[in-house]
Amino acid sequence: MNTQASLVSKVLVLEESGEHLIALKAFCESAGLIGIRPQNGDDASVLSILDSNVDLGGILLSEYFGTGIQLARQIHNSRPELPIFLRRENCGDLSDIPDCDRMIFRCVYTLSDLQPLQTTLEHSLFYRVYPSQLVRGISELTRSALESTFRGCRIEQEPPYLVKDRIIYGELFTLISIDSNWCRGYMMLQTSEADIKTLITHRDGHEEGVGFRDINNLLGEATNMVWGAFKNRFATRMHHENSLMRIQVPIIINHGRNYISFGSDDPQLCFKYTLWDENNPEIGSVTIHQRFVFNLAWSPEEFDDDRTVDALVSSGELELF
């Protein structure tokens, strides 16, 4: 039986009260949230963070942080895909807030009643079931592909997480479709071209011969290896209906804004890998962000943990006892 993977999500906590921060920290720990805070409690610091490559699942905003509602407007204009959860001191609704501002907030809550926040988080971030076998398998097959592509590198990995934003990390990313009887969408690998160039230049000793096409080919090779392993392990039962009859949505990319949209509000399943050259640790690291967006179809109830075993039995590598 499939079990749901324990995934986390980062949220930006905009709160000034120390007492309230303690309560929210306890809530975040129980709700699978990783809270991060700006160093400075002003609007400019918050907007600077949102302009960076910090991937988030949402924002916990106190009505008394910075300029409050005015800051919420700026956040929404900057990153409209991020849900904003507004904490109010005494009032648990938006009745005294102008109608034009109410749509900005996903929910309103008070510390005396966190249930609205809990319920909304479950519907906003954690409503999808990601089978543990799938999440663990993606990590295993991706690490194997990266180890094969970037030989001699040590690979570190953070726990998988969910995001609601649509940012692109770095200027180099690959995109490949994922298609099976239980899911349809895309996988991305995102990274920095300069970091990979530094890594492979020192690794292979090619001071002059590494061009952007070599780097593109390397990341493309890694992407193909992950895709092939994913297909063999999790997507062996492919769709057979006429592809012209299947739903497609536009993919929108704005490089100037480091933004990509798949026409869906669904959370993205993310993995983060850091590569180090064990022989040259002083050159720094390469970070590769892997994201899955199942925006075209998602039916985890049809996910079959035993397909790998079935395939091995069919091939003769295993026999049933």
C-alpha atoms as a PDB file:
ATOM      1  CA  MET A   1       0.000   0.000   0.000  1.00  0.00           C
ATOM      2  CA  ASN A   2       1.351   3.440  -0.925  1.00  0.00           C
ATOM      3  CA  THR A   3       2.039   5.840   1.893  1.00  0.00           C
ATOM      4  CA  GLN A   4       2.310   9.580   1.535  1.00  0.00           C
ATOM      5  CA  ALA A   5       5.828  10.955   1.589  1.00  0.00           C
ATOM      6  CA  SER A   6       6.715  13.384   4.360  1.00  0.00           C
ATOM      7  CA  LEU A   7       7.473  16.509   2.382  1.00  0.00           C
ATOM      8  CA  VAL A   8       8.261  19.961   3.708  1.00  0.00           C
ATOM      9  CA  SER A   9       7.798  23.462   2.343  1.00  0.00           C
ATOM     10  CA  LYS A  10       9.654  26.690   3.056  1.00  0.00           C
ATOM     11  CA  VAL A  11       7.604  29.703   4.108  1.00  0.00           C
ATOM     12  CA  LEU A  12       8.694  33.287   4.638  1.00  0.00           C
ATOM     13  CA  VAL A  13       7.687  34.319   8.171  1.00  0.00           C
ATOM     14  CA  LEU A  14       7.067  38.057   8.475  1.00  0.00           C
ATOM     15  CA  GLU A  15       6.491  38.560  12.178  1.00  0.00           C
ATOM     16  CA  GLU A  16       8.002  41.029  14.653  1.00  0.00           C
ATOM     17  CA  SER A  17       6.697  39.810  18.011  1.00  0.00           C
ATOM     18  CA  GLY A  18       9.054  37.403  19.787  1.00  0.00           C
ATOM     19  CA  GLU A  19       6.177  35.770  21.631  1.00  0.00           C
ATOM     20  CA  HIS A  20       4.273  35.190  18.407  1.00  0.00           C
ATOM     21  CA  LEU A  21       7.395  33.872  16.698  1.00  0.00           C
ATOM     22  CA  ILE A  22       7.726  31.155  19.337  1.00  0.00           C
ATOM     23  CA  ALA A  23       4.148  30.047  18.747  1.00  0.00           C
ATOM     24  CA  LEU A  24       4.554  30.107  14.973  1.00  0.00           C
ATOM     25  CA  LYS A  25       7.820  28.176  15.157  1.00  0.00           C
ATOM     26  CA  ALA A  26       6.083  25.386  17.055  1.00  0.00           C
ATOM     27  CA  PHE A  27       3.259  25.404  14.519  1.00  0.00           C
ATOM     28  CA  CYS A  28       5.669  25.241  11.572  1.00  0.00           C
ATOM     29  CA  GLU A  29       7.494  22.271  13.058  1.00  0.00           C
ATOM     30  CA  SER A  30       4.241  20.376  13.484  1.00  0.00           C
ATOM     31  CA  ALA A  31       2.903  21.330  10.036  1.00  0.00           C
ATOM     32  CA  GLY A  32       5.923  20.363   7.918  1.00  0.00           C
ATOM     33  CA  LEU A  33       7.013  23.939   7.298  1.00  0.00           C
ATOM     34  CA  ILE A  34      10.518  25.372   7.309  1.00  0.00           C
ATOM     35  CA  GLY A  35      10.263  28.995   8.383  1.00  0.00           C
ATOM     36  CA  ILE A  36      12.769  31.582   7.187  1.00  0.00           C
ATOM     37  CA  ARG A  37      12.914  35.249   8.205  1.00  0.00           C
ATOM     38  CA  PRO A  38      14.462  38.403   6.730  1.00  0.00           C
ATOM     39  CA  GLN A  39      17.309  39.930   8.712  1.00  0.00           C
ATOM     40  CA  ASN A  40      15.661  43.335   8.612  1.00  0.00           C
ATOM     41  CA  GLY A  41      11.993  43.942   9.351  1.00  0.00           C
ATOM     42  CA  ASP A  42      11.218  46.364   6.558  1.00  0.00           C
ATOM     43  CA  ASP A  43       9.435  46.186   3.224  1.00  0.00           C
ATOM     44  CA  ALA A  44      12.604  46.640   1.193  1.00  0.00           C
ATOM     45  CA  SER A  45      14.274  43.592   2.758  1.00  0.00           C
ATOM     46  CA  VAL A  46      11.229  41.436   2.063  1.00  0.00           C
ATOM     47  CA  LEU A  47      10.977  42.523  -1.570  1.00  0.00           C
ATOM     48  CA  SER A  48      14.714  41.969  -2.025  1.00  0.00           C
ATOM     49  CA  ILE A  49      14.301  38.379  -0.823  1.00  0.00           C
ATOM     50  CA  LEU A  50      11.424  37.830  -3.223  1.00  0.00           C
ATOM     51  CA  ASP A  51      13.536  39.155  -6.097  1.00  0.00           C
ATOM     52  CA  SER A  52      16.185  36.518  -5.334  1.00  0.00           C
ATOM     53  CA  ASN A  53      16.163  32.780  -6.076  1.00  0.00           C
ATOM     54  CA  VAL A  54      14.563  31.760  -2.782  1.00  0.00           C
ATOM     55  CA  ASP A  55      11.958  29.106  -3.542  1.00  0.00           C
ATOM     56  CA  LEU A  56       8.928  29.273  -1.267  1.00  0.00           C
ATOM     57  CA  GLY A  57       5.626  27.600  -0.592  1.00  0.00           C
ATOM     58  CA  GLY A  58       3.957  30.647   0.921  1.00  0.00           C
ATOM     59  CA  ILE A  59       4.198  33.640   3.232  1.00  0.00           C
ATOM     60  CA  LEU A  60       3.052  34.022   6.837  1.00  0.00           C
ATOM     61  CA  LEU A  61       2.430  37.746   7.264  1.00  0.00           C
ATOM     62  CA  SER A  62       1.487  39.640  10.408  1.00  0.00           C
ATOM     63  CA  GLU A  63      -0.747  42.632   9.779  1.00  0.00           C
ATOM     64  CA  TYR A  64       1.701  44.676  11.884  1.00  0.00           C
ATOM     65  CA  PHE A  65       4.873  43.652  10.036  1.00  0.00           C
ATOM     66  CA  GLY A  66       6.341  46.519   8.007  1.00  0.00           C
ATOM     67  CA  THR A  67       3.546  48.375   6.283  1.00  0.00           C
ATOM     68  CA  GLY A  68       1.141  45.450   6.702  1.00  0.00           C
ATOM     69  CA  ILE A  69      -1.552  45.454   4.023  1.00  0.00           C
ATOM     70  CA  GLN A  70       0.497  47.728   1.782  1.00  0.00           C
ATOM     71  CA  LEU A  71       3.364  45.227   1.953  1.00  0.00           C
ATOM     72  CA  ALA A  72       0.933  42.432   1.094  1.00  0.00           C
ATOM     73  CA  ARG A  73      -0.020  44.313  -2.080  1.00  0.00           C
ATOM     74  CA  GLN A  74       3.641  44.587  -3.069  1.00  0.00           C
ATOM     75  CA  ILE A  75       4.263  40.902  -2.361  1.00  0.00           C
ATOM     76  CA  HIS A  76       1.255  39.906  -4.430  1.00  0.00           C
ATOM     77  CA  ASN A  77       2.359  42.087  -7.338  1.00  0.00           C
ATOM     78  CA  SER A  78       5.863  40.633  -7.182  1.00  0.00           C
ATOM     79  CA  ARG A  79       5.010  36.942  -6.685  1.00  0.00           C
ATOM     80  CA  PRO A  80       1.247  36.438  -7.224  1.00  0.00           C
ATOM     81  CA  GLU A  81       1.635  32.643  -7.211  1.00  0.00           C
ATOM     82  CA  LEU A  82       2.647  32.624  -3.547  1.00  0.00           C
ATOM     83  CA  PRO A  83      -0.243  32.244  -1.074  1.00  0.00           C
ATOM     84  CA  ILE A  84      -0.242  34.831   1.709  1.00  0.00           C
ATOM     85  CA  PHE A  85      -1.583  33.765   5.110  1.00  0.00           C
ATOM     86  CA  LEU A  86      -2.467  36.849   7.184  1.00  0.00           C
ATOM     87  CA  ARG A  87      -2.207  36.801  10.965  1.00  0.00           C
ATOM     88  CA  ARG A  88      -4.442  39.307  12.696  1.00  0.00           C
ATOM     89  CA  GLU A  89      -4.364  40.259  16.338  1.00  0.00           C
ATOM     90  CA  ASN A  90      -8.003  40.081  17.331  1.00  0.00           C
ATOM     91  CA  CYS A  91     -10.134  39.823  14.208  1.00  0.00           C
ATOM     92  CA  GLY A  92     -10.420  36.492  12.386  1.00  0.00           C
ATOM     93  CA  ASP A  93     -11.842  37.861   9.154  1.00  0.00           C
ATOM     94  CA  LEU A  94     -11.301  40.562   6.514  1.00  0.00           C
ATOM     95  CA  SER A  95     -14.515  42.512   7.038  1.00  0.00           C
ATOM     96  CA  ASP A  96     -12.672  45.771   7.765  1.00  0.00           C
ATOM     97  CA  ILE A  97     -10.287  45.452   4.827  1.00  0.00           C
ATOM     98  CA  PRO A  98     -11.159  46.975   1.414  1.00  0.00           C
ATOM     99  CA  ASP A  99     -12.670  44.537  -1.061  1.00  0.00           C
ATOM    100  CA  CYS A 100      -9.835  45.097  -3.521  1.00  0.00           C
ATOM    101  CA  ASP A 101      -7.336  43.766  -0.966  1.00  0.00           C
ATOM    102  CA  ARG A 102      -9.234  40.737   0.284  1.00  0.00           C
ATOM    103  CA  MET A 103      -8.374  38.553  -2.718  1.00  0.00           C
ATOM    104  CA  ILE A 104      -4.684  38.926  -1.875  1.00  0.00           C
ATOM    105  CA  PHE A 105      -4.941  36.629   1.141  1.00  0.00           C
ATOM    106  CA  ARG A 106      -5.417  32.878   1.058  1.00  0.00           C
ATOM    107  CA  CYS A 107      -6.645  32.860   4.645  1.00  0.00           C
ATOM    108  CA  VAL A 108      -6.843  34.880   7.851  1.00  0.00           C
ATOM    109  CA  TYR A 109      -6.022  33.452  11.264  1.00  0.00           C
ATOM    110  CA  THR A 110      -5.199  34.402  14.834  1.00  0.00           C
ATOM    111  CA  LEU A 111      -2.831  32.694  17.224  1.00  0.00           C
ATOM    112  CA  SER A 112      -5.790  31.767  19.393  1.00  0.00           C
ATOM    113  CA  ASP A 113      -7.247  29.777  16.478  1.00  0.00           C
ATOM    114  CA  LEU A 114      -4.711  28.190  14.108  1.00  0.00           C
ATOM    115  CA  GLN A 115      -7.182  25.780  12.548  1.00  0.00           C
ATOM    116  CA  PRO A 116      -7.966  28.037   9.542  1.00  0.00           C
ATOM    117  CA  LEU A 117      -4.244  28.211   8.818  1.00  0.00           C
ATOM    118  CA  GLN A 118      -3.807  24.449   9.176  1.00  0.00           C
ATOM    119  CA  THR A 119      -6.760  23.697   6.908  1.00  0.00           C
ATOM    120  CA  THR A 120      -5.716  26.186   4.239  1.00  0.00           C
ATOM    121  CA  LEU A 121      -2.130  24.918   4.224  1.00  0.00           C
ATOM    122  CA  GLU A 122      -3.363  21.407   3.612  1.00  0.00           C
ATOM    123  CA  HIS A 123      -5.437  22.600   0.649  1.00  0.00           C
ATOM    124  CA  SER A 124      -2.764  24.942  -0.697  1.00  0.00           C
ATOM    125  CA  LEU A 125       0.464  22.965  -0.294  1.00  0.00           C
ATOM    126  CA  PHE A 126      -0.043  19.456   1.002  1.00  0.00           C
ATOM    127  CA  TYR A 127      -3.219  18.332  -0.714  1.00  0.00           C
ATOM    128  CA  ARG A 128      -1.444  16.033  -3.146  1.00  0.00           C
ATOM    129  CA  VAL A 129      -0.342  12.525  -2.225  1.00  0.00           C
ATOM    130  CA  TYR A 130       3.227  11.775  -3.279  1.00  0.00           C
ATOM    131  CA  PRO A 131       3.888   8.056  -2.697  1.00  0.00           C
ATOM    132  CA  SER A 132       7.004   7.413  -0.633  1.00  0.00           C
ATOM    133  CA  GLN A 133       8.258   4.909  -3.198  1.00  0.00           C
ATOM    134  CA  LEU A 134       8.092   7.591  -5.869  1.00  0.00           C
ATOM    135  CA  VAL A 135       9.877  10.297  -3.873  1.00  0.00           C
ATOM    136  CA  ARG A 136      12.596   7.930  -2.649  1.00  0.00           C
ATOM    137  CA  GLY A 137      13.000   6.428  -6.116  1.00  0.00           C
ATOM    138  CA  ILE A 138      13.432   9.811  -7.787  1.00  0.00           C
ATOM    139  CA  SER A 139      16.228  10.659  -5.356  1.00  0.00           C
ATOM    140  CA  GLU A 140      17.984   7.344  -5.962  1.00  0.00           C
ATOM    141  CA  LEU A 141      17.838   7.388  -9.748  1.00  0.00           C
ATOM    142  CA  THR A 142      18.802  11.064  -9.969  1.00  0.00           C
ATOM    143  CA  ARG A 143      21.832  10.613  -7.725  1.00  0.00           C
ATOM    144  CA  SER A 144      22.896   7.667  -9.863  1.00  0.00           C
ATOM    145  CA  ALA A 145      22.570   9.726 -13.051  1.00  0.00           C
ATOM    146  CA  LEU A 146      24.514  12.660 -11.585  1.00  0.00           C
ATOM    147  CA  GLU A 147      27.254  10.372 -10.281  1.00  0.00           C
ATOM    148  CA  SER A 148      27.607   8.872 -13.745  1.00  0.00           C
ATOM    149  CA  THR A 149      27.590  12.245 -15.514  1.00  0.00           C
ATOM    150  CA  PHE A 150      29.817  14.123 -13.043  1.00  0.00           C
ATOM    151  CA  ARG A 151      32.356  11.442 -12.148  1.00  0.00           C
ATOM    152  CA  GLY A 152      34.554  12.117  -9.156  1.00  0.00           C
ATOM    153  CA  CYS A 153      32.023  14.427  -7.510  1.00  0.00           C
ATOM    154  CA  ARG A 154      30.547  14.072  -4.061  1.00  0.00           C
ATOM    155  CA  ILE A 155      26.808  14.630  -4.070  1.00  0.00           C
ATOM    156  CA  GLU A 156      24.874  16.040  -1.143  1.00  0.00           C
ATOM    157  CA  GLN A 157      21.096  16.208  -1.105  1.00  0.00           C
ATOM    158  CA  GLU A 158      18.529  18.144   0.884  1.00  0.00           C
ATOM    159  CA  PRO A 159      15.193  16.608   1.901  1.00  0.00           C
ATOM    160  CA  PRO A 160      12.595  16.893  -0.907  1.00  0.00           C
ATOM    161  CA  TYR A 161      10.130  19.744  -0.605  1.00  0.00           C
ATOM    162  CA  LEU A 162       7.176  21.486  -2.246  1.00  0.00           C
ATOM    163  CA  VAL A 163       7.027  25.012  -3.652  1.00  0.00           C
ATOM    164  CA  LYS A 164       4.294  27.215  -5.073  1.00  0.00           C
ATOM    165  CA  ASP A 165       6.540  29.735  -6.782  1.00  0.00           C
ATOM    166  CA  ARG A 166       7.579  29.612 -10.430  1.00  0.00           C
ATOM    167  CA  ILE A 167      11.156  30.844 -10.302  1.00  0.00           C
ATOM    168  CA  ILE A 168      14.016  29.508 -12.381  1.00  0.00           C
ATOM    169  CA  TYR A 169      17.318  28.909 -10.612  1.00  0.00           C
ATOM    170  CA  GLY A 170      20.255  29.949 -12.784  1.00  0.00           C
ATOM    171  CA  GLU A 171      20.225  30.624 -16.503  1.00  0.00           C
ATOM    172  CA  LEU A 172      20.570  26.999 -17.625  1.00  0.00           C
ATOM    173  CA  PHE A 173      17.749  24.528 -17.379  1.00  0.00           C
ATOM    174  CA  THR A 174      16.472  21.473 -19.183  1.00  0.00           C
ATOM    175  CA  LEU A 175      12.839  20.517 -19.655  1.00  0.00           C
ATOM    176  CA  ILE A 176      11.525  17.068 -20.558  1.00  0.00           C
ATOM    177  CA  SER A 177       8.014  15.651 -20.559  1.00  0.00           C
ATOM    178  CA  ILE A 178       6.893  12.895 -18.193  1.00  0.00           C
ATOM    179  CA  ASP A 179       4.024  10.743 -19.468  1.00  0.00           C
ATOM    180  CA  SER A 180       2.422   7.610 -18.035  1.00  0.00           C
ATOM    181  CA  ASN A 181      -0.985   6.167 -17.214  1.00  0.00           C
ATOM    182  CA  TRP A 182      -0.976   7.875 -13.791  1.00  0.00           C
ATOM    183  CA  CYS A 183       0.882  11.168 -14.365  1.00  0.00           C
ATOM    184  CA  ARG A 184       1.648  13.701 -17.075  1.00  0.00           C
ATOM    185  CA  GLY A 185       3.820  16.738 -16.753  1.00  0.00           C
ATOM    186  CA  TYR A 186       7.446  17.835 -16.884  1.00  0.00           C
ATOM    187  CA  MET A 187      10.771  17.432 -15.166  1.00  0.00           C
ATOM    188  CA  MET A 188      13.326  20.235 -15.009  1.00  0.00           C
ATOM    189  CA  LEU A 189      16.969  20.457 -14.026  1.00  0.00           C
ATOM    190  CA  GLN A 190      18.096  24.016 -13.267  1.00  0.00           C
ATOM    191  CA  THR A 191      21.616  25.224 -12.528  1.00  0.00           C
ATOM    192  CA  SER A 192      24.289  27.851 -13.144  1.00  0.00           C
ATOM    193  CA  GLU A 193      26.314  27.568 -16.350  1.00  0.00           C
ATOM    194  CA  ALA A 194      29.343  29.272 -14.805  1.00  0.00           C
ATOM    195  CA  ASP A 195      29.440  26.874 -11.846  1.00  0.00           C
ATOM    196  CA  ILE A 196      29.312  23.782 -14.060  1.00  0.00           C
ATOM    197  CA  LYS A 197      31.985  25.231 -16.334  1.00  0.00           C
ATOM    198  CA  THR A 198      34.304  25.779 -13.367  1.00  0.00           C
ATOM    199  CA  LEU A 199      33.663  22.259 -12.114  1.00  0.00           C
ATOM    200  CA  ILE A 200      34.329  20.398 -15.354  1.00  0.00           C
ATOM    201  CA  THR A 201      37.256  22.657 -16.316  1.00  0.00           C
ATOM    202  CA  HIS A 202      39.117  21.709 -13.143  1.00  0.00           C
ATOM    203  CA  ARG A 203      37.964  18.112 -13.274  1.00  0.00           C
ATOM    204  CA  ASP A 204      39.024  17.461 -16.862  1.00  0.00           C
ATOM    205  CA  GLY A 205      41.853  19.977 -17.108  1.00  0.00           C
ATOM    206  CA  HIS A 206      40.431  21.757 -20.175  1.00  0.00           C
ATOM    207  CA  GLU A 207      41.208  25.390 -19.557  1.00  0.00           C
ATOM    208  CA  GLU A 208      40.149  26.602 -23.013  1.00  0.00           C
ATOM    209  CA  GLY A 209      38.014  23.863 -24.512  1.00  0.00           C
ATOM    210  CA  VAL A 210      34.830  24.058 -22.418  1.00  0.00           C
ATOM    211  CA  GLY A 211      32.098  25.909 -24.264  1.00  0.00           C
ATOM    212  CA  PHE A 212      28.436  26.438 -23.523  1.00  0.00           C
ATOM    213  CA  ARG A 213      27.517  23.643 -25.937  1.00  0.00           C
ATOM    214  CA  ASP A 214      29.632  21.189 -23.946  1.00  0.00           C
ATOM    215  CA  ILE A 215      27.840  22.271 -20.780  1.00  0.00           C
ATOM    216  CA  ASN A 216      24.438  22.015 -22.468  1.00  0.00           C
ATOM    217  CA  ASN A 217      25.260  18.504 -23.675  1.00  0.00           C
ATOM    218  CA  LEU A 218      26.373  17.457 -20.199  1.00  0.00           C
ATOM    219  CA  LEU A 219      23.178  18.617 -18.514  1.00  0.00           C
ATOM    220  CA  GLY A 220      21.154  17.159 -21.369  1.00  0.00           C
ATOM    221  CA  GLU A 221      22.862  13.813 -20.849  1.00  0.00           C
ATOM    222  CA  ALA A 222      22.014  13.869 -17.146  1.00  0.00           C
ATOM    223  CA  THR A 223      18.413  14.787 -17.940  1.00  0.00           C
ATOM    224  CA  ASN A 224      18.063  11.908 -20.404  1.00  0.00           C
ATOM    225  CA  MET A 225      19.487   9.458 -17.895  1.00  0.00           C
ATOM    226  CA  VAL A 226      17.052  10.556 -15.182  1.00  0.00           C
ATOM    227  CA  TRP A 227      14.142  10.519 -17.632  1.00  0.00           C
ATOM    228  CA  GLY A 228      15.035   7.048 -18.885  1.00  0.00           C
ATOM    229  CA  ALA A 229      15.349   5.673 -15.369  1.00  0.00           C
ATOM    230  CA  PHE A 230      12.075   7.314 -14.324  1.00  0.00           C
ATOM    231  CA  LYS A 231      10.289   5.877 -17.368  1.00  0.00           C
ATOM    232  CA  ASN A 232      11.634   2.374 -16.769  1.00  0.00           C
ATOM    233  CA  ARG A 233      10.859   2.390 -13.077  1.00  0.00           C
ATOM    234  CA  PHE A 234       7.660   4.372 -12.745  1.00  0.00           C
ATOM    235  CA  ALA A 235       6.121   4.939 -16.175  1.00  0.00           C
ATOM    236  CA  THR A 236       6.315   1.614 -17.953  1.00  0.00           C
ATOM    237  CA  ARG A 237       2.598   1.735 -18.744  1.00  0.00           C
ATOM    238  CA  MET A 238       2.378   4.547 -21.223  1.00  0.00           C
ATOM    239  CA  HIS A 239      -0.692   6.233 -22.683  1.00  0.00           C
ATOM    240  CA  HIS A 240      -1.819   4.793 -26.005  1.00  0.00           C
ATOM    241  CA  GLU A 241      -4.645   7.132 -26.959  1.00  0.00           C
ATOM    242  CA  ASN A 242      -4.287   9.603 -29.792  1.00  0.00           C
ATOM    243  CA  SER A 243      -1.946  12.332 -28.587  1.00  0.00           C
ATOM    244  CA  LEU A 244      -3.870  14.924 -30.600  1.00  0.00           C
ATOM    245  CA  MET A 245      -6.848  14.402 -28.291  1.00  0.00           C
ATOM    246  CA  ARG A 246      -4.920  14.981 -25.078  1.00  0.00           C
ATOM    247  CA  ILE A 247      -4.873  18.212 -23.104  1.00  0.00           C
ATOM    248  CA  GLN A 248      -1.930  20.573 -23.489  1.00  0.00           C
ATOM    249  CA  VAL A 249      -1.338  23.996 -21.932  1.00  0.00           C
ATOM    250  CA  PRO A 250       1.104  26.766 -22.908  1.00  0.00           C
ATOM    251  CA  ILE A 251       4.402  26.962 -21.064  1.00  0.00           C
ATOM    252  CA  ILE A 252       5.415  30.571 -20.435  1.00  0.00           C
ATOM    253  CA  ILE A 253       9.071  31.463 -19.815  1.00  0.00           C
ATOM    254  CA  ASN A 254      10.328  34.941 -18.906  1.00  0.00           C
ATOM    255  CA  HIS A 255      14.110  34.783 -18.537  1.00  0.00           C
ATOM    256  CA  GLY A 256      14.354  38.390 -17.419  1.00  0.00           C
ATOM    257  CA  ARG A 257      12.182  37.543 -14.420  1.00  0.00           C
ATOM    258  CA  ASN A 258      13.592  34.022 -13.864  1.00  0.00           C
ATOM    259  CA  TYR A 259      10.009  32.846 -14.258  1.00  0.00           C
ATOM    260  CA  ILE A 260       8.340  29.803 -15.770  1.00  0.00           C
ATOM    261  CA  SER A 261       4.654  28.921 -15.703  1.00  0.00           C
ATOM    262  CA  PHE A 262       2.991  25.653 -16.678  1.00  0.00           C
ATOM    263  CA  GLY A 263      -0.532  27.071 -16.590  1.00  0.00           C
ATOM    264  CA  SER A 264      -1.284  25.400 -13.268  1.00  0.00           C
ATOM    265  CA  ASP A 265      -1.446  26.392  -9.609  1.00  0.00           C
ATOM    266  CA  ASP A 266      -0.302  22.942  -8.466  1.00  0.00           C
ATOM    267  CA  PRO A 267       2.727  22.711  -6.165  1.00  0.00           C
ATOM    268  CA  GLN A 268       6.000  21.530  -7.650  1.00  0.00           C
ATOM    269  CA  LEU A 269       7.891  18.569  -6.189  1.00  0.00           C
ATOM    270  CA  CYS A 270      11.507  19.678  -5.724  1.00  0.00           C
ATOM    271  CA  PHE A 271      14.869  18.071  -5.062  1.00  0.00           C
ATOM    272  CA  LYS A 272      18.138  19.919  -4.512  1.00  0.00           C
ATOM    273  CA  TYR A 273      21.567  18.380  -5.147  1.00  0.00           C
ATOM    274  CA  THR A 274      24.967  19.928  -4.423  1.00  0.00           C
ATOM    275  CA  LEU A 275      28.024  18.599  -6.258  1.00  0.00           C
ATOM    276  CA  TRP A 276      31.592  18.920  -4.987  1.00  0.00           C
ATOM    277  CA  ASP A 277      34.774  17.921  -6.796  1.00  0.00           C
ATOM    278  CA  GLU A 278      36.446  15.722  -4.190  1.00  0.00           C
ATOM    279  CA  ASN A 279      39.883  16.386  -5.680  1.00  0.00           C
ATOM    280  CA  ASN A 280      39.375  20.166  -5.885  1.00  0.00           C
ATOM    281  CA  PRO A 281      36.999  21.193  -3.071  1.00  0.00           C
ATOM    282  CA  GLU A 282      38.384  24.726  -3.139  1.00  0.00           C
ATOM    283  CA  ILE A 283      36.692  25.523  -6.468  1.00  0.00           C
ATOM    284  CA  GLY A 284      33.279  25.546  -4.835  1.00  0.00           C
ATOM    285  CA  SER A 285      30.136  23.622  -5.551  1.00  0.00           C
ATOM    286  CA  VAL A 286      27.451  23.216  -8.198  1.00  0.00           C
ATOM    287  CA  THR A 287      23.805  23.261  -7.146  1.00  0.00           C
ATOM    288  CA  ILE A 288      21.279  21.451  -9.314  1.00  0.00           C
ATOM    289  CA  HIS A 289      17.580  22.011  -8.682  1.00  0.00           C
ATOM    290  CA  GLN A 290      15.241  19.283  -9.892  1.00  0.00           C
ATOM    291  CA  ARG A 291      11.536  20.035 -10.180  1.00  0.00           C
ATOM    292  CA  PHE A 292       8.550  17.944 -11.179  1.00  0.00           C
ATOM    293  CA  VAL A 293       5.281  19.557 -12.167  1.00  0.00           C
ATOM    294  CA  PHE A 294       2.457  17.120 -12.889  1.00  0.00           C
ATOM    295  CA  ASN A 295       0.215  19.762 -14.409  1.00  0.00           C
ATOM    296  CA  LEU A 296      -1.502  17.691 -17.110  1.00  0.00           C
ATOM    297  CA  ALA A 297      -2.570  14.602 -15.167  1.00  0.00           C
ATOM    298  CA  TRP A 298      -2.070  13.262 -11.648  1.00  0.00           C
ATOM    299  CA  SER A 299      -3.623   9.996 -10.407  1.00  0.00           C
ATOM    300  CA  PRO A 300      -1.407   8.608  -7.628  1.00  0.00           C
ATOM    301  CA  GLU A 301      -4.039   6.002  -6.813  1.00  0.00           C
ATOM    302  CA  GLU A 302      -2.965   4.289 -10.056  1.00  0.00           C
ATOM    303  CA  PHE A 303       0.707   4.371  -9.093  1.00  0.00           C
ATOM    304  CA  ASP A 304       1.888   0.773  -8.738  1.00  0.00           C
ATOM    305  CA  ASP A 305       4.803   0.082  -6.386  1.00  0.00           C
ATOM    306  CA  ASP A 306       5.180  -3.448  -7.751  1.00  0.00           C
ATOM    307  CA  ARG A 307       5.777  -2.532 -11.376  1.00  0.00           C
ATOM    308  CA  THR A 308       9.536  -2.744 -10.923  1.00  0.00           C
ATOM    309  CA  VAL A 309       9.230  -6.235  -9.461  1.00  0.00           C
ATOM    310  CA  ASP A 310       6.864  -7.271 -12.257  1.00  0.00           C
ATOM    311  CA  ALA A 311       9.329  -6.071 -14.858  1.00  0.00           C
ATOM    312  CA  LEU A 312      12.209  -7.978 -13.244  1.00  0.00           C
ATOM    313  CA  VAL A 313      10.107 -11.135 -13.041  1.00  0.00           C
ATOM    314  CA  SER A 314       9.144 -10.783 -16.703  1.00  0.00           C
ATOM    315  CA  SER A 315      12.776 -10.313 -17.712  1.00  0.00           C
ATOM    316  CA  GLY A 316      13.867 -13.358 -15.723  1.00  0.00           C
ATOM    317  CA  GLU A 317      16.041 -11.417 -13.269  1.00  0.00           C
ATOM    318  CA  LEU A 318      13.718 -12.391 -10.388  1.00  0.00           C
ATOM    319  CA  GLU A 319      11.409 -15.280  -9.759  1.00  0.00           C
ATOM    320  CA  LEU A 320       8.403 -15.445  -7.481  1.00  0.00           C
ATOM    321  CA  PHE A 321       8.860 -17.653  -4.425  1.00  0.00           C
END
